[in-house]
Amino acid sequence: MDAGRPNPAQWLWYAYGGGLPRSLSPWVLEDTTRHSWVLRHLLRALVQLAPVVALCLLLPPVDFGVRLTAAGGGLVIGLLFSLAYMTETTEHRAVKAGWPPGTTAARREERAERERLERNARYRSGGSGSFD
């Protein structure tokens, strides 16, 4: 197993807001800043919401349509709330892992700038492959 990644139990703990060992700090920074950081954040939010949605679908003694509507509405509201605070949440995860405040925003800005430069690079324009 790769020592640079959390095991499934650690990831579940992390998804619910728990801290990981300092040896996994580089993984936390990568998790909160890579290209797919928004999707990863939404996956963690879905994991957090899953037990509440399941209970809402299973327990209330009302028609299933009512339970489904309530569970769906709760899921939408929960995801919207999660999206509204995703930059703060991911920043908090990185700080908890030992990174200085502002690290996630700076890393994302660096990557965006690097991608912009690569898109606008001279060798990509024109498509001829020659350099004048």
C-alpha atoms as a PDB file:
ATOM      1  CA  MET A   1       0.000   0.000   0.000  1.00  0.00           C
ATOM      2  CA  ASP A   2       1.177   3.515  -0.802  1.00  0.00           C
ATOM      3  CA  ALA A   3       2.337   5.208   2.416  1.00  0.00           C
ATOM      4  CA  GLY A   4       1.465   8.605   0.949  1.00  0.00           C
ATOM      5  CA  ARG A   5      -2.295   7.987   0.918  1.00  0.00           C
ATOM      6  CA  PRO A   6      -4.748   7.435   3.765  1.00  0.00           C
ATOM      7  CA  ASN A   7      -6.232   3.986   4.195  1.00  0.00           C
ATOM      8  CA  PRO A   8     -10.046   3.692   3.834  1.00  0.00           C
ATOM      9  CA  ALA A   9     -10.687   4.164   7.568  1.00  0.00           C
ATOM     10  CA  GLN A  10      -8.432   7.239   7.669  1.00  0.00           C
ATOM     11  CA  TRP A  11     -10.115   8.671   4.578  1.00  0.00           C
ATOM     12  CA  LEU A  12     -13.557   8.213   6.126  1.00  0.00           C
ATOM     13  CA  TRP A  13     -12.338   9.947   9.299  1.00  0.00           C
ATOM     14  CA  TYR A  14     -10.881  12.727   7.121  1.00  0.00           C
ATOM     15  CA  ALA A  15     -14.136  13.022   5.140  1.00  0.00           C
ATOM     16  CA  TYR A  16     -15.980  13.688   8.398  1.00  0.00           C
ATOM     17  CA  GLY A  17     -13.487  16.398   9.372  1.00  0.00           C
ATOM     18  CA  GLY A  18     -10.953  14.410  11.364  1.00  0.00           C
ATOM     19  CA  GLY A  19      -7.251  15.061  11.185  1.00  0.00           C
ATOM     20  CA  LEU A  20      -4.738  12.754   9.564  1.00  0.00           C
ATOM     21  CA  PRO A  21      -1.183  11.907  10.674  1.00  0.00           C
ATOM     22  CA  ARG A  22       1.437  14.524   9.732  1.00  0.00           C
ATOM     23  CA  SER A  23       2.997  12.006   7.339  1.00  0.00           C
ATOM     24  CA  LEU A  24      -0.101  12.477   5.153  1.00  0.00           C
ATOM     25  CA  SER A  25       0.143  16.293   5.065  1.00  0.00           C
ATOM     26  CA  PRO A  26       1.417  16.318   1.456  1.00  0.00           C
ATOM     27  CA  TRP A  27      -1.573  14.195   0.438  1.00  0.00           C
ATOM     28  CA  VAL A  28      -3.983  16.606   2.170  1.00  0.00           C
ATOM     29  CA  LEU A  29      -2.481  19.551   0.292  1.00  0.00           C
ATOM     30  CA  GLU A  30      -2.726  17.671  -2.997  1.00  0.00           C
ATOM     31  CA  ASP A  31      -6.314  16.627  -2.185  1.00  0.00           C
ATOM     32  CA  THR A  32      -7.366  20.218  -1.536  1.00  0.00           C
ATOM     33  CA  THR A  33      -5.564  21.836  -4.484  1.00  0.00           C
ATOM     34  CA  ARG A  34      -5.469  19.410  -7.427  1.00  0.00           C
ATOM     35  CA  HIS A  35      -7.588  19.939 -10.538  1.00  0.00           C
ATOM     36  CA  SER A  36     -10.396  17.822  -9.123  1.00  0.00           C
ATOM     37  CA  TRP A  37     -10.498  19.529  -5.697  1.00  0.00           C
ATOM     38  CA  VAL A  38     -14.101  20.696  -6.143  1.00  0.00           C
ATOM     39  CA  LEU A  39     -15.290  17.197  -7.067  1.00  0.00           C
ATOM     40  CA  ARG A  40     -13.326  15.722  -4.163  1.00  0.00           C
ATOM     41  CA  HIS A  41     -14.943  18.251  -1.824  1.00  0.00           C
ATOM     42  CA  LEU A  42     -18.402  17.312  -3.120  1.00  0.00           C
ATOM     43  CA  LEU A  43     -17.632  13.613  -2.649  1.00  0.00           C
ATOM     44  CA  ARG A  44     -16.714  14.269   0.997  1.00  0.00           C
ATOM     45  CA  ALA A  45     -19.944  16.263   1.403  1.00  0.00           C
ATOM     46  CA  LEU A  46     -21.966  13.390  -0.053  1.00  0.00           C
ATOM     47  CA  VAL A  47     -20.302  10.969   2.366  1.00  0.00           C
ATOM     48  CA  GLN A  48     -21.190  13.292   5.251  1.00  0.00           C
ATOM     49  CA  LEU A  49     -24.806  13.629   4.086  1.00  0.00           C
ATOM     50  CA  ALA A  50     -25.372   9.944   3.259  1.00  0.00           C
ATOM     51  CA  PRO A  51     -26.340   8.769   6.784  1.00  0.00           C
ATOM     52  CA  VAL A  52     -28.822  11.630   7.226  1.00  0.00           C
ATOM     53  CA  VAL A  53     -30.390  10.966   3.817  1.00  0.00           C
ATOM     54  CA  ALA A  54     -30.600   7.238   4.578  1.00  0.00           C
ATOM     55  CA  LEU A  55     -32.293   7.885   7.931  1.00  0.00           C
ATOM     56  CA  CYS A  56     -34.690  10.320   6.285  1.00  0.00           C
ATOM     57  CA  LEU A  57     -35.608   7.680   3.708  1.00  0.00           C
ATOM     58  CA  LEU A  58     -35.979   4.820   6.195  1.00  0.00           C
ATOM     59  CA  LEU A  59     -37.366   6.064   9.508  1.00  0.00           C
ATOM     60  CA  PRO A  60     -40.268   8.524   9.247  1.00  0.00           C
ATOM     61  CA  PRO A  61     -43.663   6.787   9.243  1.00  0.00           C
ATOM     62  CA  VAL A  62     -44.966   8.695   6.223  1.00  0.00           C
ATOM     63  CA  ASP A  63     -45.469   7.942   2.547  1.00  0.00           C
ATOM     64  CA  PHE A  64     -42.239   7.158   0.681  1.00  0.00           C
ATOM     65  CA  GLY A  65     -42.809  10.081  -1.710  1.00  0.00           C
ATOM     66  CA  VAL A  66     -42.740  12.492   1.229  1.00  0.00           C
ATOM     67  CA  ARG A  67     -39.567  10.871   2.594  1.00  0.00           C
ATOM     68  CA  LEU A  68     -37.930  11.000  -0.842  1.00  0.00           C
ATOM     69  CA  THR A  69     -38.825  14.654  -1.293  1.00  0.00           C
ATOM     70  CA  ALA A  70     -37.508  15.538   2.167  1.00  0.00           C
ATOM     71  CA  ALA A  71     -34.286  13.561   1.621  1.00  0.00           C
ATOM     72  CA  GLY A  72     -33.749  15.128  -1.811  1.00  0.00           C
ATOM     73  CA  GLY A  73     -34.394  18.628  -0.501  1.00  0.00           C
ATOM     74  CA  GLY A  74     -32.037  18.077   2.406  1.00  0.00           C
ATOM     75  CA  LEU A  75     -29.373  16.747   0.059  1.00  0.00           C
ATOM     76  CA  VAL A  76     -29.667  19.785  -2.227  1.00  0.00           C
ATOM     77  CA  ILE A  77     -29.531  22.227   0.688  1.00  0.00           C
ATOM     78  CA  GLY A  78     -26.594  20.364   2.230  1.00  0.00           C
ATOM     79  CA  LEU A  79     -24.635  20.412  -1.030  1.00  0.00           C
ATOM     80  CA  LEU A  80     -25.371  24.107  -1.607  1.00  0.00           C
ATOM     81  CA  PHE A  81     -24.170  24.909   1.905  1.00  0.00           C
ATOM     82  CA  SER A  82     -21.071  22.807   1.312  1.00  0.00           C
ATOM     83  CA  LEU A  83     -20.358  24.601  -1.986  1.00  0.00           C
ATOM     84  CA  ALA A  84     -20.806  27.991  -0.343  1.00  0.00           C
ATOM     85  CA  TYR A  85     -18.030  27.230   2.144  1.00  0.00           C
ATOM     86  CA  MET A  86     -15.786  24.914   0.151  1.00  0.00           C
ATOM     87  CA  THR A  87     -12.755  27.218  -0.048  1.00  0.00           C
ATOM     88  CA  GLU A  88     -12.880  27.834   3.703  1.00  0.00           C
ATOM     89  CA  THR A  89     -13.395  24.137   4.423  1.00  0.00           C
ATOM     90  CA  THR A  90     -10.499  22.998   2.254  1.00  0.00           C
ATOM     91  CA  GLU A  91      -8.274  25.719   3.711  1.00  0.00           C
ATOM     92  CA  HIS A  92      -9.157  24.515   7.216  1.00  0.00           C
ATOM     93  CA  ARG A  93      -8.270  20.931   6.248  1.00  0.00           C
ATOM     94  CA  ALA A  94      -4.851  22.049   4.994  1.00  0.00           C
ATOM     95  CA  VAL A  95      -4.174  24.159   8.096  1.00  0.00           C
ATOM     96  CA  LYS A  96      -5.180  21.210  10.295  1.00  0.00           C
ATOM     97  CA  ALA A  97      -2.618  19.134   8.349  1.00  0.00           C
ATOM     98  CA  GLY A  98       0.119  21.628   9.238  1.00  0.00           C
ATOM     99  CA  TRP A  99       0.177  23.951   6.222  1.00  0.00           C
ATOM    100  CA  PRO A 100       0.250  27.728   6.774  1.00  0.00           C
ATOM    101  CA  PRO A 101      -3.017  29.635   6.197  1.00  0.00           C
ATOM    102  CA  GLY A 102      -3.378  30.697   2.572  1.00  0.00           C
ATOM    103  CA  THR A 103      -1.468  27.731   1.167  1.00  0.00           C
ATOM    104  CA  THR A 104      -4.399  26.204  -0.729  1.00  0.00           C
ATOM    105  CA  ALA A 105      -5.365  29.485  -2.398  1.00  0.00           C
ATOM    106  CA  ALA A 106      -1.749  30.192  -3.365  1.00  0.00           C
ATOM    107  CA  ARG A 107      -1.280  26.673  -4.776  1.00  0.00           C
ATOM    108  CA  ARG A 108      -4.479  26.898  -6.829  1.00  0.00           C
ATOM    109  CA  GLU A 109      -3.459  30.316  -8.179  1.00  0.00           C
ATOM    110  CA  GLU A 110      -0.018  28.970  -9.153  1.00  0.00           C
ATOM    111  CA  ARG A 111      -1.583  26.052 -11.009  1.00  0.00           C
ATOM    112  CA  ALA A 112      -4.097  28.302 -12.777  1.00  0.00           C
ATOM    113  CA  GLU A 113      -1.293  30.645 -13.881  1.00  0.00           C
ATOM    114  CA  ARG A 114       0.832  27.738 -15.088  1.00  0.00           C
ATOM    115  CA  GLU A 115      -2.122  26.361 -17.081  1.00  0.00           C
ATOM    116  CA  ARG A 116      -2.822  29.800 -18.566  1.00  0.00           C
ATOM    117  CA  LEU A 117       0.810  30.139 -19.649  1.00  0.00           C
ATOM    118  CA  GLU A 118       0.780  26.675 -21.193  1.00  0.00           C
ATOM    119  CA  ARG A 119      -2.439  27.416 -23.098  1.00  0.00           C
ATOM    120  CA  ASN A 120      -0.962  30.628 -24.475  1.00  0.00           C
ATOM    121  CA  ALA A 121       2.513  29.235 -25.121  1.00  0.00           C
ATOM    122  CA  ARG A 122       4.011  30.145 -28.477  1.00  0.00           C
ATOM    123  CA  TYR A 123       4.589  26.539 -29.491  1.00  0.00           C
ATOM    124  CA  ARG A 124       0.848  25.848 -29.176  1.00  0.00           C
ATOM    125  CA  SER A 125      -0.294  28.768 -31.333  1.00  0.00           C
ATOM    126  CA  GLY A 126      -0.392  28.273 -35.068  1.00  0.00           C
ATOM    127  CA  GLY A 127       0.056  24.525 -34.886  1.00  0.00           C
ATOM    128  CA  SER A 128       2.999  24.525 -37.335  1.00  0.00           C
ATOM    129  CA  GLY A 129       5.529  23.341 -34.792  1.00  0.00           C
ATOM    130  CA  SER A 130       8.135  25.838 -36.031  1.00  0.00           C
ATOM    131  CA  PHE A 131       9.615  28.602 -33.942  1.00  0.00           C
ATOM    132  CA  ASP A 132      10.187  31.914 -35.699  1.00  0.00           C
END
